[in-house]
Protein backbone atom coordinates (compact mmCIF):
# COMPACT_ATOMS: atom_id res chain seq x y z
CA ALA A 1 119.81 89.86 115.17
CA GLN A 2 118.03 91.06 118.27
CA ILE A 3 114.36 91.50 119.12
CA MET A 4 113.82 94.21 121.73
CA LYS A 5 111.03 96.02 123.54
CA VAL A 6 111.37 99.79 123.68
CA LYS A 7 109.76 101.94 126.35
CA LEU A 8 109.05 105.32 124.77
CA PRO A 9 108.90 108.42 126.99
CA LEU A 10 105.55 110.11 127.53
CA GLU A 11 104.95 113.10 125.28
CA ASP A 12 104.69 115.51 128.20
CA LYS A 13 107.63 114.11 130.17
CA ALA A 14 110.76 116.25 130.44
CA ILE A 15 113.98 114.54 129.32
CA ASP A 16 117.14 115.30 131.27
CA SER A 17 119.83 115.29 128.56
CA SER A 18 122.55 115.29 131.25
CA GLU A 19 121.68 111.63 131.92
CA TYR A 20 122.61 110.61 128.39
CA ALA A 21 125.89 108.69 128.23
CA ASP A 22 126.99 108.40 124.63
CA ASN A 23 130.03 106.25 125.43
CA SER A 24 128.19 103.75 127.61
CA ASN A 25 128.07 100.12 126.62
CA ASP A 26 124.45 99.62 127.54
CA ALA A 27 121.62 99.77 125.02
CA ASN A 28 119.93 102.66 126.78
CA GLY A 29 122.55 105.35 126.70
CA LEU A 30 121.14 106.41 130.07
CA GLY A 31 122.62 105.68 133.53
CA GLN A 32 122.94 102.21 135.00
CA ALA A 33 119.85 102.24 137.23
CA THR A 34 117.42 99.49 136.35
CA ASP A 35 114.43 101.77 136.88
CA LYS A 36 115.62 103.78 133.87
CA GLN A 37 115.76 100.78 131.61
CA ARG A 38 114.47 101.84 128.19
CA ILE A 39 115.21 98.76 126.08
CA ASP A 40 114.64 95.14 127.05
CA TYR A 41 116.05 92.27 125.00
CA GLU A 42 113.46 89.67 124.05
CA VAL A 43 115.62 87.26 122.06
CA LYS A 44 118.96 87.19 120.27
CA ILE A 45 119.19 85.31 116.95
CA ASN A 46 122.30 84.06 115.20
CA HIS A 47 122.75 85.36 111.66
CA GLN A 48 124.84 84.53 108.61
CA GLY A 49 127.38 87.37 108.62
CA GLU A 50 126.44 91.03 108.65
CA ILE A 51 122.82 92.17 108.39
CA ASN A 52 122.43 94.77 105.63
CA ARG A 53 118.76 95.39 106.31
CA ALA A 54 115.88 93.91 108.32
CA ARG A 55 112.14 94.38 107.75
CA TYR A 56 109.14 92.82 109.51
CA MET A 57 105.95 91.70 107.75
CA PRO A 58 103.24 94.28 108.59
CA GLN A 59 100.43 91.67 108.61
CA GLN A 60 102.43 89.29 110.84
CA PRO A 61 105.08 91.24 112.78
CA ASN A 62 106.69 88.15 114.30
CA ILE A 63 108.01 87.30 110.81
CA PHE A 64 110.97 89.36 109.65
CA ALA A 65 113.38 89.21 106.71
CA THR A 66 117.08 90.08 106.66
CA LYS A 67 119.45 90.84 103.80
CA THR A 68 122.74 88.95 104.03
CA ILE A 69 126.13 89.73 102.51
CA SER A 70 125.85 86.59 100.37
CA GLY A 71 122.71 87.80 98.58
CA ASP A 72 120.38 85.35 100.32
CA ILE A 73 117.44 86.68 102.32
CA LEU A 74 116.67 84.92 105.58
CA LEU A 75 113.22 84.71 107.16
CA PHE A 76 112.85 84.31 110.90
CA ASP A 77 109.83 83.80 113.12
CA TYR A 78 110.98 85.16 116.45
CA HIS A 79 108.17 83.33 118.22
CA ASN A 80 110.03 80.15 117.26
CA GLN A 81 113.50 81.44 118.14
CA ARG A 82 115.35 81.12 121.41
CA THR A 83 118.56 82.83 122.45
CA PRO A 84 121.17 80.41 120.99
CA GLU A 85 123.63 78.36 122.96
CA ASN A 86 126.02 77.97 119.98
CA ASP A 87 126.76 79.60 116.59
CA GLU A 88 124.19 77.66 114.58
CA VAL A 89 121.98 79.77 112.28
CA LYS A 90 118.38 78.52 112.02
CA PRO A 91 116.22 80.64 109.69
CA GLN A 92 112.66 79.51 109.00
CA LEU A 93 113.12 80.11 105.25
CA ILE A 94 115.98 80.98 102.88
CA LEU A 95 115.10 83.09 99.83
CA LYS A 96 117.38 82.49 96.84
CA GLY A 97 117.61 84.64 93.71
CA HIS A 98 120.27 87.33 94.11
CA GLU A 99 123.89 86.85 93.15
CA LYS A 100 125.20 89.74 95.25
CA GLU A 101 124.37 91.54 98.47
CA GLY A 102 122.09 94.57 98.60
CA TYR A 103 119.90 96.81 100.73
CA GLY A 104 116.50 97.18 99.04
CA LEU A 105 113.83 95.24 100.95
CA SER A 106 110.08 95.84 101.21
CA TRP A 107 107.05 93.85 102.38
CA ASN A 108 103.80 94.37 100.48
CA PRO A 109 101.51 96.36 102.83
CA VAL A 110 98.34 95.11 101.10
CA ARG A 111 99.00 91.48 100.16
CA LYS A 112 100.36 89.32 102.94
CA GLY A 113 103.57 87.41 102.24
CA LEU A 114 104.90 89.27 99.17
CA LEU A 115 108.51 90.33 99.67
CA LEU A 116 110.34 92.65 97.26
CA SER A 117 114.12 92.96 97.02
CA GLY A 118 116.76 94.84 95.04
CA ALA A 119 120.49 94.18 95.11
CA ASP A 120 123.94 95.00 93.78
CA ASP A 121 123.48 92.46 90.95
CA SER A 122 121.03 95.02 89.40
CA HIS A 123 118.16 92.54 89.75
CA ILE A 124 114.78 92.85 91.46
CA CYS A 125 113.14 89.73 92.92
CA ILE A 126 109.71 89.02 94.40
CA TRP A 127 108.90 86.03 96.62
CA ASP A 128 105.55 84.86 97.93
CA VAL A 129 106.13 83.29 101.35
CA GLU A 130 102.46 82.97 102.29
CA GLY A 131 101.63 79.34 103.03
CA GLN A 132 105.26 78.22 102.70
CA SER A 133 106.75 75.65 105.04
CA MET A 134 108.87 77.35 107.70
CA GLY A 135 111.23 74.46 108.23
CA GLY A 136 114.44 76.00 106.88
CA ASP A 137 113.82 75.25 103.20
CA SER A 138 114.89 77.40 100.24
CA LEU A 139 112.50 79.35 98.03
CA THR A 140 113.03 80.85 94.55
CA PRO A 141 111.39 84.08 93.33
CA ILE A 142 108.00 84.12 91.64
CA LEU A 143 109.15 87.09 89.54
CA GLU A 144 112.49 88.61 88.51
CA PHE A 145 113.12 91.97 86.82
CA LYS A 146 116.44 92.77 85.10
CA GLU A 147 115.99 96.19 83.52
CA HIS A 148 118.31 98.30 85.67
CA GLU A 149 121.88 98.66 84.44
CA SER A 150 123.56 99.10 87.81
CA VAL A 151 123.10 98.54 91.56
CA VAL A 152 119.46 98.63 92.70
CA GLU A 153 119.74 100.73 95.85
CA ASP A 154 116.14 100.64 97.06
CA VAL A 155 112.71 99.19 96.31
CA CYS A 156 109.30 100.08 97.72
CA TRP A 157 105.74 98.81 97.34
CA HIS A 158 102.88 101.20 96.66
CA LYS A 159 100.90 101.71 99.86
CA THR A 160 97.44 100.84 98.48
CA ASP A 161 97.92 99.01 95.15
CA GLU A 162 99.30 95.52 95.72
CA ASN A 163 100.66 95.26 92.15
CA ILE A 164 102.65 98.50 91.95
CA PHE A 165 106.19 99.08 93.22
CA GLY A 166 109.11 101.37 92.56
CA SER A 167 112.87 100.98 92.32
CA VAL A 168 115.88 103.32 92.21
CA SER A 169 119.39 102.59 91.07
CA ASP A 170 122.95 103.76 90.60
CA ASP A 171 122.06 104.04 86.89
CA LYS A 172 120.19 107.24 87.95
CA LYS A 173 116.88 105.73 86.88
CA LEU A 174 113.68 105.71 88.89
CA LYS A 175 111.32 103.00 87.66
CA ILE A 176 107.68 102.23 88.42
CA TRP A 177 106.58 98.63 87.88
CA ASP A 178 103.30 96.76 87.65
CA MET A 179 103.77 93.19 88.85
CA ARG A 180 101.18 92.04 86.28
CA GLN A 181 103.40 93.24 83.39
CA LYS A 182 106.11 90.77 84.51
CA THR A 183 108.88 91.92 82.12
CA VAL A 184 109.27 95.69 81.74
CA SER A 185 108.68 98.79 83.86
CA ILE A 186 105.65 100.97 83.12
CA TYR A 187 107.58 104.22 83.81
CA SER A 188 111.29 104.99 83.71
CA VAL A 189 112.66 108.43 84.63
CA ASP A 190 116.10 110.03 84.76
CA ALA A 191 115.26 111.28 88.22
CA HIS A 192 118.55 112.68 89.57
CA ILE A 193 121.94 113.75 88.25
CA GLU A 194 123.73 111.21 90.48
CA GLU A 195 122.99 107.79 91.97
CA ILE A 196 119.54 107.43 93.55
CA LEU A 197 119.51 105.90 97.02
CA SER A 198 115.94 105.77 98.35
CA LEU A 199 112.25 106.16 97.52
CA ASP A 200 108.92 106.01 99.31
CA PHE A 201 105.24 106.20 98.33
CA ASN A 202 102.83 108.50 100.14
CA PRO A 203 100.45 106.46 102.35
CA PHE A 204 97.60 108.98 101.92
CA ASN A 205 97.93 110.18 98.32
CA GLN A 206 98.14 107.37 95.76
CA TYR A 207 99.91 109.56 93.18
CA LEU A 208 102.79 111.05 95.19
CA PHE A 209 106.19 109.59 95.98
CA ILE A 210 109.65 110.86 96.89
CA SER A 211 113.24 109.94 96.00
CA SER A 212 116.66 110.92 97.35
CA SER A 213 120.12 110.90 95.85
CA VAL A 214 123.87 111.24 96.14
CA ASP A 215 123.29 114.69 94.58
CA LYS A 216 122.12 115.85 98.08
CA SER A 217 118.55 116.49 96.90
CA ILE A 218 115.09 115.04 97.52
CA ALA A 219 112.54 114.99 94.70
CA LEU A 220 108.76 114.92 95.04
CA TRP A 221 106.97 113.21 92.13
CA ASP A 222 103.42 112.79 90.83
CA VAL A 223 103.02 109.53 88.93
CA ARG A 224 100.46 111.18 86.64
CA ASN A 225 103.16 113.46 85.19
CA LEU A 226 106.74 112.21 85.45
CA LYS A 227 108.08 114.58 82.80
CA SER A 228 108.93 117.02 85.60
CA LEU A 229 109.15 116.75 89.36
CA VAL A 230 106.67 118.49 91.64
CA HIS A 231 109.34 119.98 93.89
CA SER A 232 113.01 119.61 94.78
CA PHE A 233 114.17 119.86 98.41
CA LYS A 234 117.78 120.99 98.84
CA ASN A 235 119.08 121.59 102.33
CA HIS A 236 121.33 118.61 103.04
CA LYS A 237 125.09 119.03 102.66
CA ASP A 238 125.85 115.44 101.66
CA GLU A 239 124.16 112.45 100.03
CA VAL A 240 120.64 111.69 101.24
CA GLY A 241 120.54 107.99 102.08
CA ILE A 242 116.91 107.59 103.08
CA VAL A 243 113.53 109.32 102.82
CA LYS A 244 110.26 108.21 104.44
CA PHE A 245 106.77 109.69 104.48
CA SER A 246 105.04 110.11 107.82
CA PRO A 247 102.49 107.34 108.48
CA HIS A 248 100.33 109.93 110.26
CA HIS A 249 100.47 113.12 108.16
CA GLU A 250 100.09 113.32 104.37
CA ASN A 251 102.29 116.39 103.95
CA MET A 252 105.23 115.38 106.13
CA PHE A 253 108.33 113.29 105.47
CA ALA A 254 111.78 112.83 107.00
CA SER A 255 115.19 112.41 105.43
CA GLY A 256 118.53 111.12 106.69
CA SER A 257 121.88 112.10 105.22
CA SER A 258 125.61 111.48 105.46
CA ASP A 259 125.84 115.08 106.70
CA ARG A 260 124.73 113.60 110.07
CA ARG A 261 121.38 115.35 109.93
CA VAL A 262 117.81 114.10 110.06
CA MET A 263 115.40 116.63 108.62
CA VAL A 264 111.62 116.73 108.85
CA TRP A 265 109.88 118.46 105.94
């Protein structure tokens, strides 16, 4: 894992695309001159195998979680990490609970320390890391949900309600959960005709959320009426792996697909 500082170009600055070097080995993709340095490495951190996903805690950005290929989730505090001199892996906390690897990972934006995860074992786990010792110990989930019948591809907390989250799965189900219910989902929808890969809640409108699928479509939903979707967006030519609402504009979102396109809607 690497922590980096990125220097973004000014909005009104012209970019010379001829300077871009796609086959370069540097992190910038631009020339070798140091005055054009766009990315600076802060610290490199050893990790247990491949990193499937990494997410930082919004209330404490120096804390970030990573999904490993073993199913464990590792927590690191990069303020307490130094570029290693050997291959030793030193996470601040190890979160146990999953039996297989996965990709779904989401920090609660309202309640500090709540981490949500979905994995290939079809399970959903929630940990509360607030106040935990960061000395490399292991931690078990405070809640587990086992309603999906196949791989849980993605999970996402509601943006304003600390108890509500959503999940999507290869079983083609989209589920909305209330953490206070503890056992079963409060809504379950056959949302797409093929596996569902991603979802996101609108940060401005508490009722709206989106999902994307292997069926190449994106669906807009209103939680007040899940019997039918609000709108279907169909312009991608391959599976849509990720969708995210804009944090700045209520009516905008972006999608990324295996068709090698990012689209803004």
